[in-house]
Amino acid sequence: MKKNLVLIGMMAVGKTTIGSLLSKKLGISFEDLDSTIESRESLSIKKIFDLKGEKYFRKIEEIEGLNIIKGDRKIIALGGGSFINQKIRDEIEKSSFSVWLDVAPEKIFNRIKKNKARPLLINAKSVEDVEKIYLNRKKIYALADYRLDCSAKSKEQITDEIIKKYESI
């Protein structure tokens, strides 16, 4: 069995929530890449973007992402843009089972419209703004080992489906 279970997808699709539930059900530790970066930098992701820029954030994201992936077996929630990074993707392919939590842009927009903590979506004024990011990332997300349409599923259904798939590899 591959070592890690990595959750990928857009912001606000539930990677942290699902990762936490999977961790409890499988008895495997859970790490959230964004939380790791925030701890390291002692700043929120939004503040890192505001003060140091996206380029700096992506560099730290790569370093921390590779460290997490190469560590002991765990469940990992990547940030929305992490899987775009070729080095991170290559390492995941070697050592992990990746699951794309796919949620329709309309649903993502409804989840994020009141949340000002997501730097790339802070200016999203419409579903079309979210859709633009989604469409740019979709072909990369499609490289995951498994795509799970989460739009009409409960957290329990999502975790059960992932566990079933993960345990069959």
Protein backbone atom coordinates (compact mmCIF):
# COMPACT_ATOMS: atom_id res chain seq x y z
CA MET A 1 0.00 0.00 0.00
CA LYS A 2 1.23 3.48 -0.77
CA LYS A 3 2.22 5.41 2.27
CA ASN A 4 0.24 8.65 2.42
CA LEU A 5 -3.31 9.62 1.62
CA VAL A 6 -3.23 13.11 0.09
CA LEU A 7 -6.31 15.28 -0.37
CA ILE A 8 -6.21 17.87 -3.13
CA GLY A 9 -8.68 20.34 -4.60
CA MET A 10 -9.81 23.94 -4.61
CA MET A 11 -10.05 26.06 -1.49
CA ALA A 12 -13.16 25.41 0.60
CA VAL A 13 -13.85 21.89 -0.71
CA GLY A 14 -13.39 20.33 2.74
CA LYS A 15 -9.84 18.93 2.63
CA THR A 16 -9.15 19.78 6.27
CA THR A 17 -12.53 18.56 7.51
CA ILE A 18 -12.35 15.30 5.54
CA GLY A 19 -8.68 14.78 6.43
CA SER A 20 -9.50 15.09 10.11
CA LEU A 21 -12.37 12.61 9.85
CA LEU A 22 -10.20 10.16 7.87
CA SER A 23 -7.49 10.43 10.50
CA LYS A 24 -9.93 9.49 13.27
CA LYS A 25 -11.48 6.62 11.30
CA LEU A 26 -8.19 5.16 10.04
CA GLY A 27 -6.05 5.90 13.09
CA ILE A 28 -3.44 7.64 10.92
CA SER A 29 -2.06 11.07 11.82
CA PHE A 30 -3.27 14.10 9.88
CA GLU A 31 -1.36 17.13 8.66
CA ASP A 32 -2.73 20.23 7.01
CA LEU A 33 -0.11 21.95 4.85
CA ASP A 34 -1.61 25.43 5.27
CA SER A 35 -1.60 25.04 9.09
CA THR A 36 2.02 23.88 8.97
CA ILE A 37 2.98 26.95 6.93
CA GLU A 38 1.05 29.27 9.27
CA SER A 39 2.87 27.78 12.29
CA ARG A 40 6.25 28.06 10.63
CA GLU A 41 5.70 31.67 9.60
CA SER A 42 3.61 32.71 12.64
CA LEU A 43 1.26 34.36 10.15
CA SER A 44 -2.02 33.46 8.47
CA ILE A 45 -1.87 32.45 4.81
CA LYS A 46 -3.59 35.73 3.92
CA LYS A 47 -0.97 37.74 5.87
CA ILE A 48 1.87 35.83 4.18
CA PHE A 49 0.38 36.75 0.79
CA ASP A 50 -0.16 40.37 1.89
CA LEU A 51 3.27 40.91 3.46
CA LYS A 52 5.57 38.64 1.49
CA GLY A 53 3.70 37.85 -1.74
CA GLU A 54 2.53 34.74 -3.54
CA LYS A 55 6.01 33.86 -4.86
CA TYR A 56 7.39 33.67 -1.30
CA PHE A 57 4.37 31.65 -0.16
CA ARG A 58 4.78 29.13 -3.02
CA LYS A 59 8.46 28.65 -2.13
CA ILE A 60 7.61 27.89 1.51
CA GLU A 61 4.68 25.72 0.38
CA GLU A 62 7.06 23.61 -1.73
CA ILE A 63 9.60 23.15 1.08
CA GLU A 64 7.00 22.27 3.71
CA GLY A 65 4.90 20.20 1.29
CA LEU A 66 7.86 18.01 0.32
CA ASN A 67 8.83 17.59 4.01
CA ILE A 68 5.32 16.44 4.93
CA ILE A 69 5.01 14.06 1.97
CA LYS A 70 8.41 12.48 2.60
CA GLY A 71 7.74 11.95 6.31
CA ASP A 72 5.94 9.10 8.05
CA ARG A 73 2.68 7.72 6.68
CA LYS A 74 -0.16 10.19 7.20
CA ILE A 75 -3.21 11.84 5.79
CA ILE A 76 -2.34 15.18 4.22
CA ALA A 77 -4.53 18.11 3.21
CA LEU A 78 -2.71 20.19 0.63
CA GLY A 79 -3.47 23.84 -0.02
CA GLY A 80 -5.56 24.58 -3.12
CA GLY A 81 -2.53 25.44 -5.28
CA SER A 82 0.01 22.93 -3.92
CA PHE A 83 -0.72 20.16 -6.42
CA ILE A 84 0.08 22.59 -9.25
CA ASN A 85 3.74 22.40 -8.16
CA GLN A 86 5.51 19.74 -10.27
CA LYS A 87 7.97 18.72 -7.51
CA ILE A 88 5.15 18.19 -5.02
CA ARG A 89 3.13 16.27 -7.61
CA ASP A 90 6.10 14.03 -8.48
CA GLU A 91 6.69 13.20 -4.81
CA ILE A 92 2.99 12.44 -4.28
CA GLU A 93 3.00 10.15 -7.30
CA LYS A 94 5.93 8.18 -5.84
CA SER A 95 4.75 7.79 -2.28
CA SER A 96 1.08 8.56 -1.93
CA PHE A 97 -2.49 7.94 -2.99
CA SER A 98 -4.04 11.24 -4.06
CA VAL A 99 -7.74 12.08 -3.98
CA TRP A 100 -9.20 15.11 -5.74
CA LEU A 101 -12.15 16.41 -3.73
CA ASP A 102 -14.09 17.97 -6.57
CA VAL A 103 -16.81 20.50 -5.78
CA ALA A 104 -18.71 22.67 -8.27
CA PRO A 105 -17.54 26.31 -8.46
CA GLU A 106 -21.03 27.53 -7.43
CA LYS A 107 -20.82 25.59 -4.18
CA ILE A 108 -17.26 26.82 -3.53
CA PHE A 109 -18.37 30.41 -4.12
CA ASN A 110 -21.23 30.02 -1.63
CA ARG A 111 -18.78 28.69 0.97
CA ILE A 112 -16.15 31.41 0.50
CA LYS A 113 -18.12 34.57 -0.19
CA LYS A 114 -18.08 35.60 3.48
CA ASN A 115 -14.58 34.28 4.22
CA LYS A 116 -11.82 36.85 3.75
CA ALA A 117 -9.03 34.44 4.75
CA ARG A 118 -8.52 32.92 1.29
CA PRO A 119 -6.04 35.12 -0.59
CA LEU A 120 -6.73 33.97 -4.14
CA LEU A 121 -10.47 34.13 -3.69
CA ILE A 122 -10.67 37.36 -1.70
CA ASN A 123 -11.56 39.26 -4.87
CA ALA A 124 -14.01 36.64 -6.08
CA LYS A 125 -17.19 38.62 -6.61
CA SER A 126 -18.99 35.96 -8.58
CA VAL A 127 -19.13 32.27 -9.42
CA GLU A 128 -17.30 33.13 -12.66
CA ASP A 129 -14.28 34.37 -10.69
CA VAL A 130 -14.10 31.04 -8.82
CA GLU A 131 -14.77 29.14 -12.04
CA LYS A 132 -11.77 30.84 -13.71
CA ILE A 133 -9.39 29.45 -11.05
CA TYR A 134 -11.18 26.09 -11.09
CA LEU A 135 -10.87 25.73 -14.87
CA ASN A 136 -7.16 26.63 -14.76
CA ARG A 137 -6.49 23.98 -12.12
CA LYS A 138 -8.89 21.27 -13.25
CA LYS A 139 -6.51 19.58 -15.72
CA ILE A 140 -3.80 19.37 -13.05
CA TYR A 141 -6.21 18.13 -10.36
CA ALA A 142 -7.32 15.47 -12.85
CA LEU A 143 -3.84 13.91 -12.49
CA ALA A 144 -4.81 12.69 -9.00
CA ASP A 145 -5.17 8.96 -8.49
CA TYR A 146 -8.88 9.31 -7.77
CA ARG A 147 -11.52 11.99 -8.37
CA LEU A 148 -14.41 12.20 -5.96
CA ASP A 149 -17.37 14.42 -6.80
CA CYS A 150 -18.32 15.77 -3.37
CA SER A 151 -21.04 18.19 -4.44
CA ALA A 152 -23.99 16.09 -3.29
CA LYS A 153 -22.37 13.91 -0.62
CA SER A 154 -22.22 14.14 3.16
CA LYS A 155 -18.90 14.18 5.02
CA GLU A 156 -19.56 10.59 6.09
CA GLN A 157 -20.23 9.43 2.52
CA ILE A 158 -17.05 11.15 1.32
CA THR A 159 -14.87 9.64 4.04
CA ASP A 160 -16.38 6.16 3.61
CA GLU A 161 -15.80 6.27 -0.15
CA ILE A 162 -12.19 7.41 0.29
CA ILE A 163 -11.48 4.71 2.91
CA LYS A 164 -12.92 2.02 0.65
CA LYS A 165 -10.75 3.20 -2.26
CA TYR A 166 -7.63 3.69 -0.12
CA GLU A 167 -7.86 0.25 1.47
CA SER A 168 -8.24 -1.39 -1.94
CA ILE A 169 -4.96 -0.07 -3.37
